[in-house]
């Protein structure tokens, strides 16, 4: 397993205002907030088919592909080739159906879980051996509903849980940045405490 610090952090999502708040854009949400934390701004780089922020002080690039999810590898491949970034120096942040909202998983390599963004990145990189930070969005319970589910905004309580998970990931950024993957994984993969149950109130639900 690699102990190399990341040189490129890729947040996955779909471009366009109609997708901004959808579950499939959880990777974008993380990257946008990491850019704020690092004090950098994104600019559109047509040669890299995406929005790029260069955090020079941290020695890391941030990328949000603007090619739509199933062609994410086009952007990642162009940028990694130009800067000679090895797959082991790549951290891809993406939504994950098989993890409940509020939970995270950090892993190196392994299967792609049917995620089209990961499939295209793997095709362009020629390997599955890169880091992934999976942000749980939950599963609709019916595989036939998956496409519609990921392209809709999460419910309010789900979004709150996802945002809390992203905050935990941002708090662990110093460990990720240092390449201390084991410590970061221990922190991030620990299941968050379940929220306290609130007694239902009388009246209509909204």
N, C-alpha and C. Protein backbone atom coordinates (compact mmCIF):
# COMPACT_ATOMS: atom_id res chain seq x y z
N UNK A 1 0.84 -1.20 0.00
CA UNK A 1 0.00 0.00 0.00
C UNK A 1 0.87 1.25 0.00
N UNK A 2 0.50 2.21 -0.81
CA UNK A 2 1.27 3.44 -0.95
C UNK A 2 1.25 4.28 0.33
N UNK A 3 2.39 4.93 0.60
CA UNK A 3 2.45 5.94 1.66
C UNK A 3 2.80 7.30 1.07
N UNK A 4 2.67 7.42 -0.25
CA UNK A 4 3.00 8.65 -0.95
C UNK A 4 1.90 9.69 -0.76
N UNK A 5 2.26 10.93 -0.42
CA UNK A 5 1.23 11.98 -0.28
C UNK A 5 0.54 12.25 -1.61
N UNK A 6 -0.70 12.68 -1.59
CA UNK A 6 -1.41 12.97 -2.85
C UNK A 6 -0.89 14.25 -3.49
N UNK A 7 -0.74 14.21 -4.80
CA UNK A 7 -0.41 15.41 -5.57
C UNK A 7 -1.63 15.94 -6.31
N UNK A 8 -2.66 15.10 -6.42
CA UNK A 8 -3.88 15.49 -7.12
C UNK A 8 -5.09 14.94 -6.36
N UNK A 9 -6.03 15.83 -6.06
CA UNK A 9 -7.30 15.44 -5.46
C UNK A 9 -8.39 15.72 -6.49
N UNK A 10 -9.13 14.69 -6.85
CA UNK A 10 -10.18 14.81 -7.87
C UNK A 10 -11.54 14.62 -7.19
N UNK A 11 -12.40 15.61 -7.32
CA UNK A 11 -13.78 15.48 -6.86
C UNK A 11 -14.66 15.15 -8.05
N UNK A 12 -15.48 14.12 -7.93
CA UNK A 12 -16.32 13.72 -9.06
C UNK A 12 -17.73 14.29 -8.95
N UNK A 13 -18.29 14.59 -10.11
CA UNK A 13 -19.64 15.15 -10.18
C UNK A 13 -19.98 15.45 -11.62
N UNK A 14 -21.12 16.07 -11.81
CA UNK A 14 -21.56 16.50 -13.14
C UNK A 14 -21.60 18.02 -13.19
N UNK A 15 -21.17 18.61 -14.31
CA UNK A 15 -21.23 20.07 -14.45
C UNK A 15 -22.65 20.55 -14.73
N UNK A 16 -22.90 21.81 -14.42
CA UNK A 16 -24.20 22.39 -14.72
C UNK A 16 -25.04 22.62 -13.49
N UNK A 17 -25.77 23.74 -13.51
CA UNK A 17 -26.56 24.14 -12.34
C UNK A 17 -27.60 23.11 -11.95
N UNK A 18 -28.11 22.35 -12.92
CA UNK A 18 -29.16 21.39 -12.62
C UNK A 18 -28.66 20.19 -11.81
N UNK A 19 -27.33 20.03 -11.76
CA UNK A 19 -26.74 18.91 -11.02
C UNK A 19 -26.06 19.33 -9.72
N UNK A 20 -25.97 20.62 -9.47
CA UNK A 20 -25.16 21.12 -8.36
C UNK A 20 -25.50 20.48 -7.03
N UNK A 21 -26.79 20.32 -6.75
CA UNK A 21 -27.22 19.83 -5.43
C UNK A 21 -27.56 18.34 -5.42
N UNK A 22 -27.24 17.62 -6.49
CA UNK A 22 -27.59 16.20 -6.56
C UNK A 22 -26.57 15.33 -5.83
N UNK A 23 -27.01 14.15 -5.42
CA UNK A 23 -26.17 13.23 -4.65
C UNK A 23 -24.88 12.87 -5.39
N UNK A 24 -24.96 12.77 -6.71
CA UNK A 24 -23.81 12.36 -7.51
C UNK A 24 -22.67 13.38 -7.45
N UNK A 25 -22.96 14.57 -6.94
CA UNK A 25 -21.96 15.64 -6.90
C UNK A 25 -21.27 15.77 -5.55
N UNK A 26 -21.37 14.76 -4.71
CA UNK A 26 -20.75 14.83 -3.39
C UNK A 26 -19.24 15.05 -3.47
N UNK A 27 -18.60 14.50 -4.50
CA UNK A 27 -17.16 14.73 -4.68
C UNK A 27 -16.84 16.18 -4.96
N UNK A 28 -17.70 16.83 -5.76
CA UNK A 28 -17.55 18.27 -6.01
C UNK A 28 -17.68 19.05 -4.70
N UNK A 29 -18.66 18.66 -3.86
CA UNK A 29 -18.89 19.39 -2.61
C UNK A 29 -17.62 19.37 -1.75
N UNK A 30 -16.98 18.21 -1.68
CA UNK A 30 -15.75 18.11 -0.89
C UNK A 30 -14.65 18.99 -1.48
N UNK A 31 -14.45 18.91 -2.79
CA UNK A 31 -13.36 19.66 -3.43
C UNK A 31 -13.57 21.17 -3.28
N UNK A 32 -14.80 21.62 -3.42
CA UNK A 32 -15.09 23.04 -3.27
C UNK A 32 -14.74 23.52 -1.87
N UNK A 33 -15.06 22.73 -0.87
CA UNK A 33 -14.78 23.14 0.51
C UNK A 33 -13.30 22.99 0.85
N UNK A 34 -12.63 22.01 0.24
CA UNK A 34 -11.19 21.90 0.45
C UNK A 34 -10.47 23.10 -0.15
N UNK A 35 -10.93 23.57 -1.31
CA UNK A 35 -10.32 24.75 -1.92
C UNK A 35 -10.44 25.97 -1.00
N UNK A 36 -11.60 26.13 -0.37
CA UNK A 36 -11.78 27.23 0.58
C UNK A 36 -10.81 27.07 1.75
N UNK A 37 -10.70 25.84 2.25
CA UNK A 37 -9.81 25.57 3.38
C UNK A 37 -8.36 25.88 3.04
N UNK A 38 -7.97 25.61 1.79
CA UNK A 38 -6.59 25.84 1.36
C UNK A 38 -6.38 27.25 0.82
N UNK A 39 -7.45 28.03 0.71
CA UNK A 39 -7.33 29.41 0.25
C UNK A 39 -7.02 29.55 -1.22
N UNK A 40 -7.57 28.64 -2.05
CA UNK A 40 -7.33 28.70 -3.50
C UNK A 40 -8.67 28.75 -4.23
N UNK A 41 -8.60 29.16 -5.49
CA UNK A 41 -9.79 29.25 -6.33
C UNK A 41 -9.63 28.40 -7.58
N UNK A 42 -10.78 27.94 -8.07
CA UNK A 42 -10.79 27.15 -9.29
C UNK A 42 -10.84 28.06 -10.52
N UNK A 43 -10.18 27.62 -11.58
CA UNK A 43 -10.30 28.27 -12.88
C UNK A 43 -10.49 27.18 -13.93
N UNK A 44 -11.19 27.52 -15.00
CA UNK A 44 -11.44 26.52 -16.03
C UNK A 44 -10.19 26.36 -16.90
N UNK A 45 -9.75 25.12 -17.01
CA UNK A 45 -8.58 24.78 -17.82
C UNK A 45 -9.05 23.84 -18.93
N UNK A 46 -9.21 24.40 -20.13
CA UNK A 46 -9.76 23.60 -21.22
C UNK A 46 -8.85 22.43 -21.59
N UNK A 47 -7.54 22.59 -21.45
CA UNK A 47 -6.63 21.50 -21.80
C UNK A 47 -6.77 20.31 -20.85
N UNK A 48 -7.31 20.59 -19.64
CA UNK A 48 -7.53 19.51 -18.68
C UNK A 48 -9.02 19.17 -18.52
N UNK A 49 -9.87 19.77 -19.35
CA UNK A 49 -11.29 19.44 -19.38
C UNK A 49 -11.94 19.58 -18.01
N UNK A 50 -11.55 20.60 -17.25
CA UNK A 50 -12.13 20.73 -15.93
C UNK A 50 -11.76 22.01 -15.22
N UNK A 51 -12.24 22.13 -14.00
CA UNK A 51 -11.89 23.24 -13.12
C UNK A 51 -10.71 22.79 -12.26
N UNK A 52 -9.67 23.62 -12.25
CA UNK A 52 -8.42 23.26 -11.57
C UNK A 52 -8.04 24.35 -10.58
N UNK A 53 -7.61 23.94 -9.41
CA UNK A 53 -7.06 24.87 -8.41
C UNK A 53 -5.68 24.36 -8.02
N UNK A 54 -4.71 25.25 -8.02
CA UNK A 54 -3.33 24.89 -7.69
C UNK A 54 -2.98 25.41 -6.31
N UNK A 55 -2.96 24.52 -5.33
CA UNK A 55 -2.57 24.89 -3.97
C UNK A 55 -1.06 24.72 -3.86
N UNK A 56 -0.33 25.70 -4.35
CA UNK A 56 1.13 25.58 -4.43
C UNK A 56 1.77 25.37 -3.07
N UNK A 57 1.29 26.07 -2.07
CA UNK A 57 1.88 25.94 -0.73
C UNK A 57 1.73 24.52 -0.20
N UNK A 58 0.65 23.86 -0.58
CA UNK A 58 0.41 22.50 -0.13
C UNK A 58 0.97 21.46 -1.09
N UNK A 59 1.41 21.93 -2.27
CA UNK A 59 1.95 21.00 -3.26
C UNK A 59 0.92 20.04 -3.82
N UNK A 60 -0.32 20.53 -3.96
CA UNK A 60 -1.39 19.65 -4.44
C UNK A 60 -2.29 20.40 -5.41
N UNK A 61 -2.78 19.69 -6.41
CA UNK A 61 -3.75 20.21 -7.36
C UNK A 61 -5.11 19.66 -7.04
N UNK A 62 -6.14 20.47 -7.26
CA UNK A 62 -7.52 20.03 -7.11
C UNK A 62 -8.18 20.07 -8.49
N UNK A 63 -8.97 19.06 -8.79
CA UNK A 63 -9.61 18.96 -10.10
C UNK A 63 -11.07 18.57 -9.95
N UNK A 64 -11.95 19.29 -10.64
CA UNK A 64 -13.35 18.90 -10.78
C UNK A 64 -13.62 18.77 -12.28
N UNK A 65 -13.63 17.55 -12.82
CA UNK A 65 -13.86 17.35 -14.26
C UNK A 65 -15.18 17.96 -14.71
N UNK A 66 -15.16 18.54 -15.89
CA UNK A 66 -16.36 19.14 -16.47
C UNK A 66 -16.81 18.36 -17.70
N UNK A 67 -16.55 17.07 -17.69
CA UNK A 67 -16.81 16.20 -18.83
C UNK A 67 -18.02 15.31 -18.63
N UNK A 68 -18.74 15.50 -17.53
CA UNK A 68 -19.79 14.59 -17.07
C UNK A 68 -19.14 13.32 -16.50
N UNK A 69 -19.87 12.70 -15.58
CA UNK A 69 -19.32 11.65 -14.74
C UNK A 69 -18.66 10.52 -15.53
N UNK A 70 -19.36 10.02 -16.56
CA UNK A 70 -18.85 8.83 -17.23
C UNK A 70 -17.65 9.10 -18.13
N UNK A 71 -17.21 10.36 -18.19
CA UNK A 71 -15.98 10.69 -18.94
C UNK A 71 -14.96 11.40 -18.06
N UNK A 72 -15.05 11.15 -16.75
CA UNK A 72 -14.14 11.80 -15.81
C UNK A 72 -12.67 11.49 -16.09
N UNK A 73 -12.41 10.30 -16.62
CA UNK A 73 -11.03 9.91 -16.89
C UNK A 73 -10.35 10.77 -17.93
N UNK A 74 -11.12 11.38 -18.82
CA UNK A 74 -10.53 12.26 -19.83
C UNK A 74 -9.79 13.41 -19.16
N UNK A 75 -10.42 14.01 -18.15
CA UNK A 75 -9.81 15.12 -17.43
C UNK A 75 -8.64 14.64 -16.55
N UNK A 76 -8.87 13.55 -15.83
CA UNK A 76 -7.83 13.03 -14.94
C UNK A 76 -6.61 12.59 -15.74
N UNK A 77 -6.85 11.90 -16.85
CA UNK A 77 -5.73 11.44 -17.68
C UNK A 77 -4.92 12.58 -18.25
N UNK A 78 -5.59 13.63 -18.73
CA UNK A 78 -4.88 14.77 -19.31
C UNK A 78 -4.01 15.47 -18.26
N UNK A 79 -4.54 15.64 -17.06
CA UNK A 79 -3.79 16.36 -16.02
C UNK A 79 -2.65 15.50 -15.47
N UNK A 80 -2.91 14.23 -15.22
CA UNK A 80 -1.84 13.38 -14.67
C UNK A 80 -0.70 13.19 -15.65
N UNK A 81 -1.00 13.12 -16.92
CA UNK A 81 0.07 12.99 -17.92
C UNK A 81 0.90 14.27 -17.99
N UNK A 82 0.24 15.41 -17.96
CA UNK A 82 0.96 16.68 -18.09
C UNK A 82 1.89 16.90 -16.91
N UNK A 83 1.40 16.63 -15.69
CA UNK A 83 2.20 16.87 -14.49
C UNK A 83 2.96 15.62 -14.02
N UNK A 84 2.86 14.54 -14.78
CA UNK A 84 3.54 13.28 -14.46
C UNK A 84 3.21 12.84 -13.03
N UNK A 85 1.93 12.77 -12.78
CA UNK A 85 1.42 12.33 -11.48
C UNK A 85 1.12 10.85 -11.56
N UNK A 86 1.71 10.08 -10.67
CA UNK A 86 1.51 8.64 -10.64
C UNK A 86 0.15 8.31 -10.03
N UNK A 87 -0.45 7.17 -10.41
CA UNK A 87 -1.73 6.78 -9.81
C UNK A 87 -1.69 6.74 -8.29
N UNK A 88 -0.57 6.36 -7.70
CA UNK A 88 -0.45 6.29 -6.24
C UNK A 88 -0.48 7.67 -5.59
N UNK A 89 -0.35 8.73 -6.41
CA UNK A 89 -0.40 10.10 -5.92
C UNK A 89 -1.76 10.74 -6.16
N UNK A 90 -2.74 9.92 -6.49
CA UNK A 90 -4.08 10.38 -6.86
C UNK A 90 -5.09 10.00 -5.78
N UNK A 91 -5.90 10.98 -5.36
CA UNK A 91 -7.01 10.74 -4.44
C UNK A 91 -8.29 11.17 -5.14
N UNK A 92 -9.19 10.22 -5.36
CA UNK A 92 -10.47 10.49 -6.01
C UNK A 92 -11.56 10.48 -4.94
N UNK A 93 -12.35 11.54 -4.88
CA UNK A 93 -13.42 11.67 -3.90
C UNK A 93 -14.74 11.55 -4.63
N UNK A 94 -15.60 10.62 -4.18
CA UNK A 94 -16.82 10.36 -4.93
C UNK A 94 -17.94 9.88 -4.02
N UNK A 95 -19.16 9.94 -4.54
CA UNK A 95 -20.34 9.45 -3.84
C UNK A 95 -20.33 7.92 -3.84
N UNK A 96 -20.92 7.33 -2.80
CA UNK A 96 -20.94 5.88 -2.68
C UNK A 96 -22.31 5.40 -2.23
N UNK A 97 -22.97 4.61 -3.08
CA UNK A 97 -24.31 4.09 -2.80
C UNK A 97 -24.33 3.11 -1.64
N UNK A 98 -23.28 2.33 -1.48
CA UNK A 98 -23.28 1.24 -0.51
C UNK A 98 -22.90 1.68 0.90
N UNK A 99 -22.79 2.98 1.13
CA UNK A 99 -22.47 3.51 2.45
C UNK A 99 -23.57 4.51 2.84
N UNK A 100 -24.10 4.44 4.04
CA UNK A 100 -25.16 5.37 4.45
C UNK A 100 -24.65 6.81 4.54
N UNK A 101 -25.53 7.78 4.36
CA UNK A 101 -25.15 9.18 4.56
C UNK A 101 -24.55 9.38 5.95
N UNK A 102 -23.47 10.15 6.02
CA UNK A 102 -22.80 10.39 7.29
C UNK A 102 -21.58 9.52 7.50
N UNK A 103 -21.37 8.53 6.62
CA UNK A 103 -20.21 7.65 6.76
C UNK A 103 -19.26 7.82 5.58
N UNK A 104 -18.00 7.50 5.83
CA UNK A 104 -16.93 7.64 4.85
C UNK A 104 -16.13 6.35 4.81
N UNK A 105 -15.45 6.11 3.69
CA UNK A 105 -14.50 5.02 3.60
C UNK A 105 -13.31 5.49 2.75
N UNK A 106 -12.13 5.30 3.30
CA UNK A 106 -10.90 5.58 2.57
C UNK A 106 -10.28 4.25 2.19
N UNK A 107 -9.98 4.08 0.92
CA UNK A 107 -9.41 2.80 0.49
C UNK A 107 -8.44 3.02 -0.66
N UNK A 108 -7.55 2.05 -0.84
CA UNK A 108 -6.60 2.07 -1.95
C UNK A 108 -6.92 0.92 -2.88
N UNK A 109 -7.13 1.24 -4.15
CA UNK A 109 -7.40 0.21 -5.12
C UNK A 109 -8.70 -0.52 -4.87
N UNK A 110 -8.78 -1.75 -5.36
CA UNK A 110 -9.99 -2.55 -5.18
C UNK A 110 -10.99 -2.35 -6.29
N UNK A 111 -12.19 -2.90 -6.08
CA UNK A 111 -13.24 -2.83 -7.09
C UNK A 111 -13.78 -1.43 -7.30
N UNK A 112 -14.55 -1.28 -8.36
CA UNK A 112 -15.07 0.02 -8.75
C UNK A 112 -16.53 0.21 -8.35
N UNK A 113 -17.18 -0.85 -7.89
CA UNK A 113 -18.54 -0.75 -7.38
C UNK A 113 -19.55 -0.24 -8.40
N UNK A 114 -19.26 -0.42 -9.69
CA UNK A 114 -20.19 0.03 -10.71
C UNK A 114 -20.22 1.53 -10.92
N UNK A 115 -19.26 2.26 -10.31
CA UNK A 115 -19.25 3.73 -10.43
C UNK A 115 -18.63 4.12 -11.76
N UNK A 116 -19.42 4.80 -12.60
CA UNK A 116 -18.96 5.13 -13.95
C UNK A 116 -17.77 6.08 -13.97
N UNK A 117 -17.71 6.99 -13.00
CA UNK A 117 -16.56 7.88 -12.94
C UNK A 117 -15.28 7.13 -12.66
N UNK A 118 -15.32 6.19 -11.71
CA UNK A 118 -14.14 5.39 -11.40
C UNK A 118 -13.76 4.49 -12.57
N UNK A 119 -14.76 3.95 -13.26
CA UNK A 119 -14.48 3.09 -14.41
C UNK A 119 -13.68 3.85 -15.47
N UNK A 120 -14.08 5.09 -15.74
CA UNK A 120 -13.40 5.85 -16.79
C UNK A 120 -12.01 6.29 -16.34
N UNK A 121 -11.87 6.66 -15.07
CA UNK A 121 -10.55 7.03 -14.55
C UNK A 121 -9.61 5.83 -14.62
N UNK A 122 -10.09 4.67 -14.25
CA UNK A 122 -9.28 3.46 -14.30
C UNK A 122 -8.86 3.15 -15.74
N UNK A 123 -9.77 3.34 -16.68
CA UNK A 123 -9.44 3.09 -18.08
C UNK A 123 -8.34 4.02 -18.57
N UNK A 124 -8.39 5.28 -18.16
CA UNK A 124 -7.38 6.25 -18.61
C UNK A 124 -6.06 6.09 -17.87
N UNK A 125 -6.12 5.70 -16.60
CA UNK A 125 -4.89 5.53 -15.81
C UNK A 125 -4.25 4.16 -16.03
N UNK A 126 -5.04 3.21 -16.52
CA UNK A 126 -4.52 1.88 -16.75
C UNK A 126 -4.36 1.05 -15.50
N UNK A 127 -4.94 1.48 -14.39
CA UNK A 127 -4.84 0.74 -13.14
C UNK A 127 -5.95 1.17 -12.19
N UNK A 128 -6.31 0.27 -11.26
CA UNK A 128 -7.26 0.60 -10.20
C UNK A 128 -6.54 1.01 -8.93
N UNK A 129 -5.21 1.03 -8.97
CA UNK A 129 -4.43 1.28 -7.76
C UNK A 129 -4.23 2.77 -7.51
N UNK A 130 -5.27 3.42 -7.07
CA UNK A 130 -5.21 4.80 -6.62
C UNK A 130 -6.15 4.92 -5.42
N UNK A 131 -6.00 6.01 -4.67
CA UNK A 131 -6.79 6.21 -3.45
C UNK A 131 -8.18 6.72 -3.78
N UNK A 132 -9.16 6.26 -3.00
CA UNK A 132 -10.54 6.75 -3.13
C UNK A 132 -11.05 7.14 -1.74
N UNK A 133 -11.70 8.26 -1.66
CA UNK A 133 -12.44 8.64 -0.47
C UNK A 133 -13.92 8.58 -0.85
N UNK A 134 -14.62 7.63 -0.27
CA UNK A 134 -16.02 7.38 -0.63
C UNK A 134 -16.94 8.07 0.38
N UNK A 135 -17.81 8.90 -0.13
CA UNK A 135 -18.76 9.64 0.69
C UNK A 135 -20.12 8.96 0.58
N UNK A 136 -20.61 8.44 1.69
CA UNK A 136 -21.87 7.71 1.66
C UNK A 136 -23.07 8.57 1.32
N UNK A 137 -23.89 8.08 0.39
CA UNK A 137 -25.14 8.77 0.04
C UNK A 137 -26.34 7.85 0.24
N UNK A 138 -26.09 6.57 0.60
CA UNK A 138 -27.18 5.63 0.78
C UNK A 138 -27.67 5.07 -0.55
N UNK A 139 -28.52 4.05 -0.45
CA UNK A 139 -29.04 3.35 -1.62
C UNK A 139 -30.57 3.45 -1.64
N UNK A 140 -31.16 3.60 -2.80
CA UNK A 140 -32.63 3.72 -2.86
C UNK A 140 -33.35 2.41 -2.54
N UNK A 141 -32.62 1.29 -2.52
CA UNK A 141 -33.24 0.01 -2.22
C UNK A 141 -33.68 -0.78 -3.43
N UNK A 142 -33.68 -0.11 -4.59
CA UNK A 142 -34.08 -0.76 -5.84
C UNK A 142 -33.06 -0.37 -6.90
N UNK A 143 -32.37 -1.34 -7.44
CA UNK A 143 -31.31 -1.04 -8.41
C UNK A 143 -31.85 -0.28 -9.63
N UNK A 144 -33.13 -0.47 -9.94
CA UNK A 144 -33.73 0.22 -11.08
C UNK A 144 -33.93 1.71 -10.81
N UNK A 145 -33.84 2.11 -9.55
CA UNK A 145 -34.03 3.50 -9.18
C UNK A 145 -32.72 4.26 -9.00
N UNK A 146 -31.58 3.57 -9.17
CA UNK A 146 -30.28 4.16 -8.83
C UNK A 146 -30.00 5.43 -9.63
N UNK A 147 -30.20 5.39 -10.94
CA UNK A 147 -29.87 6.56 -11.77
C UNK A 147 -30.69 7.76 -11.35
N UNK A 148 -31.98 7.57 -11.17
CA UNK A 148 -32.83 8.69 -10.74
C UNK A 148 -32.43 9.17 -9.35
N UNK A 149 -32.07 8.23 -8.48
CA UNK A 149 -31.70 8.56 -7.10
C UNK A 149 -30.44 9.44 -7.04
N UNK A 150 -29.39 9.05 -7.75
CA UNK A 150 -28.13 9.81 -7.65
C UNK A 150 -28.24 11.18 -8.31
N UNK A 151 -29.21 11.33 -9.22
CA UNK A 151 -29.37 12.61 -9.92
C UNK A 151 -30.44 13.49 -9.28
N UNK A 152 -30.81 13.16 -8.03
CA UNK A 152 -31.72 14.00 -7.26
C UNK A 152 -31.01 14.53 -6.02
N UNK A 153 -31.44 15.68 -5.50
CA UNK A 153 -30.87 16.17 -4.24
C UNK A 153 -31.24 15.25 -3.08
N UNK A 154 -30.34 15.10 -2.11
CA UNK A 154 -30.69 14.32 -0.92
C UNK A 154 -31.73 15.04 -0.08
N UNK A 155 -32.45 14.27 0.74
CA UNK A 155 -33.36 14.88 1.69
C UNK A 155 -32.56 15.71 2.69
N UNK A 156 -33.23 16.62 3.36
CA UNK A 156 -32.55 17.55 4.26
C UNK A 156 -31.70 16.83 5.30
N UNK A 157 -32.27 15.80 5.94
CA UNK A 157 -31.52 15.09 6.97
C UNK A 157 -30.33 14.33 6.38
N UNK A 158 -30.49 13.84 5.14
CA UNK A 158 -29.38 13.17 4.47
C UNK A 158 -28.27 14.16 4.15
N UNK A 159 -28.65 15.34 3.65
CA UNK A 159 -27.65 16.35 3.30
C UNK A 159 -26.89 16.80 4.55
N UNK A 160 -27.60 16.94 5.66
CA UNK A 160 -26.92 17.31 6.91
C UNK A 160 -25.88 16.27 7.30
N UNK A 161 -26.23 14.99 7.14
CA UNK A 161 -25.30 13.92 7.47
C UNK A 161 -24.11 13.90 6.52
N UNK A 162 -24.37 14.12 5.24
CA UNK A 162 -23.29 14.16 4.25
C UNK A 162 -22.35 15.33 4.54
N UNK A 163 -22.93 16.48 4.85
CA UNK A 163 -22.11 17.66 5.17
C UNK A 163 -21.24 17.42 6.40
N UNK A 164 -21.80 16.74 7.41
CA UNK A 164 -21.03 16.43 8.60
C UNK A 164 -19.86 15.50 8.27
N UNK A 165 -20.11 14.54 7.39
CA UNK A 165 -19.04 13.63 6.97
C UNK A 165 -17.95 14.38 6.22
N UNK A 166 -18.36 15.30 5.36
CA UNK A 166 -17.37 16.09 4.62
C UNK A 166 -16.54 16.93 5.59
N UNK A 167 -17.16 17.47 6.62
CA UNK A 167 -16.41 18.23 7.62
C UNK A 167 -15.37 17.35 8.31
N UNK A 168 -15.72 16.10 8.61
CA UNK A 168 -14.76 15.18 9.22
C UNK A 168 -13.61 14.88 8.26
N UNK A 169 -13.93 14.77 6.98
CA UNK A 169 -12.89 14.53 5.99
C UNK A 169 -11.95 15.73 5.88
N UNK A 170 -12.52 16.92 5.92
CA UNK A 170 -11.69 18.13 5.85
C UNK A 170 -10.80 18.25 7.09
N UNK A 171 -11.32 17.84 8.25
CA UNK A 171 -10.53 17.89 9.47
C UNK A 171 -9.36 16.90 9.41
N UNK A 172 -9.53 15.83 8.62
CA UNK A 172 -8.47 14.84 8.47
C UNK A 172 -7.51 15.18 7.33
N UNK A 173 -7.72 16.31 6.67
CA UNK A 173 -6.87 16.66 5.53
C UNK A 173 -5.38 16.69 5.90
N UNK A 174 -4.95 17.21 7.05
CA UNK A 174 -3.51 17.18 7.36
C UNK A 174 -2.91 15.78 7.30
N UNK A 175 -3.67 14.78 7.73
CA UNK A 175 -3.18 13.40 7.66
C UNK A 175 -3.11 12.92 6.21
N UNK A 176 -4.15 13.23 5.43
CA UNK A 176 -4.15 12.87 4.02
C UNK A 176 -3.00 13.55 3.28
N UNK A 177 -2.84 14.83 3.53
CA UNK A 177 -1.81 15.62 2.86
C UNK A 177 -0.41 15.10 3.17
N UNK A 178 -0.24 14.57 4.38
CA UNK A 178 1.07 14.04 4.78
C UNK A 178 1.31 12.62 4.27
N UNK A 179 0.29 12.02 3.64
CA UNK A 179 0.42 10.64 3.19
C UNK A 179 0.31 9.65 4.33
N UNK A 180 -0.23 10.09 5.45
CA UNK A 180 -0.43 9.21 6.59
C UNK A 180 -1.78 8.52 6.43
N UNK A 181 -1.85 7.65 5.44
CA UNK A 181 -3.11 7.05 5.03
C UNK A 181 -3.71 6.15 6.10
N UNK A 182 -2.86 5.42 6.82
CA UNK A 182 -3.38 4.51 7.85
C UNK A 182 -4.10 5.28 8.95
N UNK A 183 -3.48 6.35 9.42
CA UNK A 183 -4.10 7.16 10.47
C UNK A 183 -5.36 7.84 9.95
N UNK A 184 -5.30 8.33 8.71
CA UNK A 184 -6.47 8.97 8.12
C UNK A 184 -7.61 7.96 7.97
N UNK A 185 -7.28 6.75 7.53
CA UNK A 185 -8.31 5.74 7.38
C UNK A 185 -8.94 5.35 8.70
N UNK A 186 -8.12 5.25 9.75
CA UNK A 186 -8.65 4.92 11.07
C UNK A 186 -9.65 5.97 11.52
N UNK A 187 -9.34 7.23 11.25
CA UNK A 187 -10.24 8.31 11.65
C UNK A 187 -11.49 8.36 10.78
N UNK A 188 -11.31 8.26 9.48
CA UNK A 188 -12.43 8.46 8.56
C UNK A 188 -13.35 7.25 8.49
N UNK A 189 -12.80 6.05 8.63
CA UNK A 189 -13.61 4.85 8.48
C UNK A 189 -14.37 4.48 9.75
N UNK A 190 -14.11 5.21 10.83
CA UNK A 190 -14.85 4.98 12.06
C UNK A 190 -16.27 5.50 11.89
N UNK A 191 -17.22 4.65 12.18
CA UNK A 191 -18.61 5.03 11.96
C UNK A 191 -19.00 6.18 12.89
N UNK A 192 -19.60 7.21 12.32
CA UNK A 192 -20.05 8.34 13.13
C UNK A 192 -21.16 7.91 14.06
N UNK A 193 -21.23 8.57 15.20
CA UNK A 193 -22.29 8.24 16.17
C UNK A 193 -23.65 8.51 15.56
N UNK A 194 -24.59 7.63 15.80
CA UNK A 194 -25.95 7.80 15.27
C UNK A 194 -26.61 9.01 15.92
N UNK A 195 -27.32 9.81 15.13
CA UNK A 195 -27.99 10.97 15.71
C UNK A 195 -29.06 10.55 16.71
N UNK A 196 -29.29 11.39 17.71
CA UNK A 196 -30.31 11.10 18.70
C UNK A 196 -31.69 11.10 18.05
N UNK A 197 -32.51 10.18 18.47
CA UNK A 197 -33.87 10.11 17.94
C UNK A 197 -34.72 11.22 18.55
N UNK A 198 -35.49 11.87 17.71
CA UNK A 198 -36.36 12.94 18.17
C UNK A 198 -37.79 12.45 18.14
N UNK A 199 -38.48 12.62 19.23
CA UNK A 199 -39.86 12.17 19.30
C UNK A 199 -40.70 12.94 18.27
N UNK A 200 -41.52 12.23 17.49
CA UNK A 200 -42.35 12.90 16.48
C UNK A 200 -43.36 13.83 17.13
N UNK A 201 -43.61 14.93 16.46
CA UNK A 201 -44.58 15.90 16.93
C UNK A 201 -45.87 15.75 16.14
N UNK A 202 -46.96 16.14 16.78
CA UNK A 202 -48.24 16.11 16.06
C UNK A 202 -48.24 17.18 14.98
N UNK A 203 -49.01 16.95 13.95
CA UNK A 203 -49.12 17.96 12.91
C UNK A 203 -48.62 17.39 11.58
N UNK A 204 -48.84 18.12 10.51
CA UNK A 204 -48.46 17.63 9.18
C UNK A 204 -46.95 17.56 9.01
N UNK A 205 -46.52 16.61 8.21
CA UNK A 205 -45.08 16.48 7.87
C UNK A 205 -44.84 17.24 6.60
N UNK A 206 -43.64 17.88 6.56
CA UNK A 206 -43.30 18.65 5.36
C UNK A 206 -42.01 18.15 4.78
